[in-house]
C-alpha atoms as a PDB file:
ATOM      1  CA  UNK A   1      76.525  75.531 130.096  1.00  0.00           C
ATOM      2  CA  UNK A   2      75.639  78.229 127.392  1.00  0.00           C
ATOM      3  CA  UNK A   3      77.460  78.839 124.428  1.00  0.00           C
ATOM      4  CA  UNK A   4      80.353  81.041 124.169  1.00  0.00           C
ATOM      5  CA  UNK A   5      79.370  85.147 122.399  1.00  0.00           C
ATOM      6  CA  UNK A   6      80.739  85.483 118.607  1.00  0.00           C
ATOM      7  CA  UNK A   7      83.508  87.897 120.676  1.00  0.00           C
ATOM      8  CA  UNK A   8      84.308  85.093 123.155  1.00  0.00           C
ATOM      9  CA  UNK A   9      84.557  83.107 119.594  1.00  0.00           C
ATOM     10  CA  UNK A  10      86.686  85.579 117.456  1.00  0.00           C
ATOM     11  CA  UNK A  11      88.807  85.875 120.364  1.00  0.00           C
ATOM     12  CA  UNK A  12      89.593  81.987 120.817  1.00  0.00           C
ATOM     13  CA  UNK A  13      90.577  81.985 117.348  1.00  0.00           C
ATOM     14  CA  UNK A  14      92.255  84.957 117.451  1.00  0.00           C
ATOM     15  CA  UNK A  15      94.504  83.546 120.093  1.00  0.00           C
ATOM     16  CA  UNK A  16      94.954  80.046 118.438  1.00  0.00           C
ATOM     17  CA  UNK A  17      96.308  81.709 115.209  1.00  0.00           C
ATOM     18  CA  UNK A  18      98.176  84.091 116.677  1.00  0.00           C
ATOM     19  CA  UNK A  19     100.110  81.113 118.521  1.00  0.00           C
ATOM     20  CA  UNK A  20     101.027  79.591 115.153  1.00  0.00           C
ATOM     21  CA  UNK A  21     102.098  82.597 113.490  1.00  0.00           C
ATOM     22  CA  UNK A  22     104.699  86.259 113.960  1.00  0.00           C
ATOM     23  CA  UNK A  23     105.469  88.735 111.996  1.00  0.00           C
ATOM     24  CA  UNK A  24     109.712  89.279 111.585  1.00  0.00           C
ATOM     25  CA  UNK A  25     111.405  91.717 109.872  1.00  0.00           C
ATOM     26  CA  UNK A  26     111.614  89.428 105.997  1.00  0.00           C
ATOM     27  CA  UNK A  27     108.110  88.292 106.768  1.00  0.00           C
ATOM     28  CA  UNK A  28     106.066  90.704 108.947  1.00  0.00           C
ATOM     29  CA  UNK A  29     102.445  89.926 109.345  1.00  0.00           C
ATOM     30  CA  UNK A  30      99.357  91.595 107.911  1.00  0.00           C
ATOM     31  CA  UNK A  31      96.761  91.919 110.152  1.00  0.00           C
ATOM     32  CA  UNK A  32      93.142  92.648 109.752  1.00  0.00           C
ATOM     33  CA  UNK A  33      90.023  94.088 111.378  1.00  0.00           C
ATOM     34  CA  UNK A  34      86.843  93.773 110.115  1.00  0.00           C
ATOM     35  CA  UNK A  35      83.778  96.583 112.016  1.00  0.00           C
ATOM     36  CA  UNK A  36      80.372  96.520 110.673  1.00  0.00           C
ATOM     37  CA  UNK A  37      81.309 100.085 108.637  1.00  0.00           C
ATOM     38  CA  UNK A  38      84.655  99.658 107.858  1.00  0.00           C
ATOM     39  CA  UNK A  39      88.131  97.237 107.450  1.00  0.00           C
ATOM     40  CA  UNK A  40      91.523  98.138 108.654  1.00  0.00           C
ATOM     41  CA  UNK A  41      94.887  96.505 107.679  1.00  0.00           C
ATOM     42  CA  UNK A  42      98.032  96.886 108.812  1.00  0.00           C
ATOM     43  CA  UNK A  43     101.570  94.889 108.304  1.00  0.00           C
ATOM     44  CA  UNK A  44     103.277  94.575 111.590  1.00  0.00           C
ATOM     45  CA  UNK A  45     106.649  93.467 112.693  1.00  0.00           C
ATOM     46  CA  UNK A  46     106.493  91.871 115.635  1.00  0.00           C
ATOM     47  CA  UNK A  47     109.745  91.404 116.612  1.00  0.00           C
ATOM     48  CA  UNK A  48     110.596  95.260 116.660  1.00  0.00           C
ATOM     49  CA  UNK A  49     106.929  95.640 118.037  1.00  0.00           C
ATOM     50  CA  UNK A  50     106.754  98.132 115.213  1.00  0.00           C
ATOM     51  CA  UNK A  51     103.377  99.181 112.524  1.00  0.00           C
ATOM     52  CA  UNK A  52     105.239  99.353 108.687  1.00  0.00           C
ATOM     53  CA  UNK A  53     102.331 100.023 106.757  1.00  0.00           C
ATOM     54  CA  UNK A  54      98.805 100.669 107.492  1.00  0.00           C
ATOM     55  CA  UNK A  55      95.075 101.224 105.131  1.00  0.00           C
ATOM     56  CA  UNK A  56      91.922 101.928 105.998  1.00  0.00           C
ATOM     57  CA  UNK A  57      88.209 101.995 104.081  1.00  0.00           C
ATOM     58  CA  UNK A  58      88.363 105.725 104.718  1.00  0.00           C
ATOM     59  CA  UNK A  59      90.903 106.589 102.496  1.00  0.00           C
ATOM     60  CA  UNK A  60      89.430 104.606  99.537  1.00  0.00           C
ATOM     61  CA  UNK A  61      87.017 106.385  97.495  1.00  0.00           C
ATOM     62  CA  UNK A  62      83.907 104.030  97.751  1.00  0.00           C
ATOM     63  CA  UNK A  63      81.293 105.908  95.579  1.00  0.00           C
ATOM     64  CA  UNK A  64      78.841 103.172  94.482  1.00  0.00           C
ATOM     65  CA  UNK A  65      80.857 100.169  95.440  1.00  0.00           C
ATOM     66  CA  UNK A  66      80.147  97.891  98.286  1.00  0.00           C
ATOM     67  CA  UNK A  67      82.041  96.645 101.686  1.00  0.00           C
ATOM     68  CA  UNK A  68      83.561  93.947  99.660  1.00  0.00           C
ATOM     69  CA  UNK A  69      84.715  95.873  96.634  1.00  0.00           C
ATOM     70  CA  UNK A  70      86.002  98.481  98.934  1.00  0.00           C
ATOM     71  CA  UNK A  71      87.852  95.518 100.774  1.00  0.00           C
ATOM     72  CA  UNK A  72      89.530  94.654  97.579  1.00  0.00           C
ATOM     73  CA  UNK A  73      90.679  98.505  97.100  1.00  0.00           C
ATOM     74  CA  UNK A  74      91.697  98.688 101.064  1.00  0.00           C
ATOM     75  CA  UNK A  75      94.058  95.236 100.177  1.00  0.00           C
ATOM     76  CA  UNK A  76      95.321  96.898  96.636  1.00  0.00           C
ATOM     77  CA  UNK A  77      96.209  99.844  98.186  1.00  0.00           C
ATOM     78  CA  UNK A  78      97.857  98.565 101.251  1.00  0.00           C
ATOM     79  CA  UNK A  79     100.161  96.186  98.596  1.00  0.00           C
ATOM     80  CA  UNK A  80     101.158  99.427  97.100  1.00  0.00           C
ATOM     81  CA  UNK A  81     102.320 101.120  99.842  1.00  0.00           C
ATOM     82  CA  UNK A  82     104.040  97.937 100.839  1.00  0.00           C
ATOM     83  CA  UNK A  83     106.077  97.624  97.862  1.00  0.00           C
ATOM     84  CA  UNK A  84     106.848 101.360  98.301  1.00  0.00           C
ATOM     85  CA  UNK A  85     108.743 100.588 101.536  1.00  0.00           C
ATOM     86  CA  UNK A  86     110.049  97.201 100.023  1.00  0.00           C
ATOM     87  CA  UNK A  87     107.960  94.688 101.707  1.00  0.00           C
ATOM     88  CA  UNK A  88     106.691  91.830  99.246  1.00  0.00           C
ATOM     89  CA  UNK A  89     106.024  88.266 101.407  1.00  0.00           C
ATOM     90  CA  UNK A  90     103.953  88.405 104.181  1.00  0.00           C
ATOM     91  CA  UNK A  91     102.285  85.977 107.004  1.00  0.00           C
ATOM     92  CA  UNK A  92      98.398  86.499 106.616  1.00  0.00           C
ATOM     93  CA  UNK A  93      96.886  87.477 109.787  1.00  0.00           C
ATOM     94  CA  UNK A  94      92.841  86.716 109.464  1.00  0.00           C
ATOM     95  CA  UNK A  95      92.347  87.706 114.013  1.00  0.00           C
ATOM     96  CA  UNK A  96      89.655  84.990 114.152  1.00  0.00           C
ATOM     97  CA  UNK A  97      87.202  86.418 111.464  1.00  0.00           C
ATOM     98  CA  UNK A  98      86.308  83.679 108.627  1.00  0.00           C
ATOM     99  CA  UNK A  99      88.162  83.842 105.541  1.00  0.00           C
ATOM    100  CA  UNK A 100      85.141  84.710 103.631  1.00  0.00           C
ATOM    101  CA  UNK A 101      83.567  87.649 102.146  1.00  0.00           C
ATOM    102  CA  UNK A 102      85.498  90.964 102.915  1.00  0.00           C
ATOM    103  CA  UNK A 103      88.682  89.540 104.303  1.00  0.00           C
ATOM    104  CA  UNK A 104      89.240  87.163 101.946  1.00  0.00           C
ATOM    105  CA  UNK A 105      88.338  90.056  99.051  1.00  0.00           C
ATOM    106  CA  UNK A 106      91.579  92.258 100.984  1.00  0.00           C
ATOM    107  CA  UNK A 107      93.599  89.492 100.431  1.00  0.00           C
ATOM    108  CA  UNK A 108      92.551  88.960  96.663  1.00  0.00           C
ATOM    109  CA  UNK A 109      93.249  92.483  96.184  1.00  0.00           C
ATOM    110  CA  UNK A 110      96.529  92.523  98.658  1.00  0.00           C
ATOM    111  CA  UNK A 111      97.725  89.759  96.481  1.00  0.00           C
ATOM    112  CA  UNK A 112      96.105  91.536  93.367  1.00  0.00           C
ATOM    113  CA  UNK A 113      98.400  94.367  94.401  1.00  0.00           C
ATOM    114  CA  UNK A 114     101.690  91.874  94.707  1.00  0.00           C
ATOM    115  CA  UNK A 115     102.087  90.770  98.055  1.00  0.00           C
ATOM    116  CA  UNK A 116     103.439  87.231  98.159  1.00  0.00           C
ATOM    117  CA  UNK A 117     101.727  85.148 100.960  1.00  0.00           C
END
């Protein structure tokens, strides 16, 4: 029996995490997707099945920055957009990614922007 692939392992972690957390209108879910080139983040109300706010790395000026610094800027951009919509408290959903590197930088950027989680 072989070990699960990286994708299968992430899917398993994601399912486990999503079993514990859900987004509500009072405290929506901040969901992260990380690819090799970009990072995407959205704030989701799971009860209404709607996306409230989004941000992605292509919307940020990335000249001369590494991917981690870009992720921090994306977090700050998302926090600003969420504040404009009246969202201050969220639940962080790392989507099966380890809380390390770009995912951690994005979370720290969102916290610096004023989101509470």
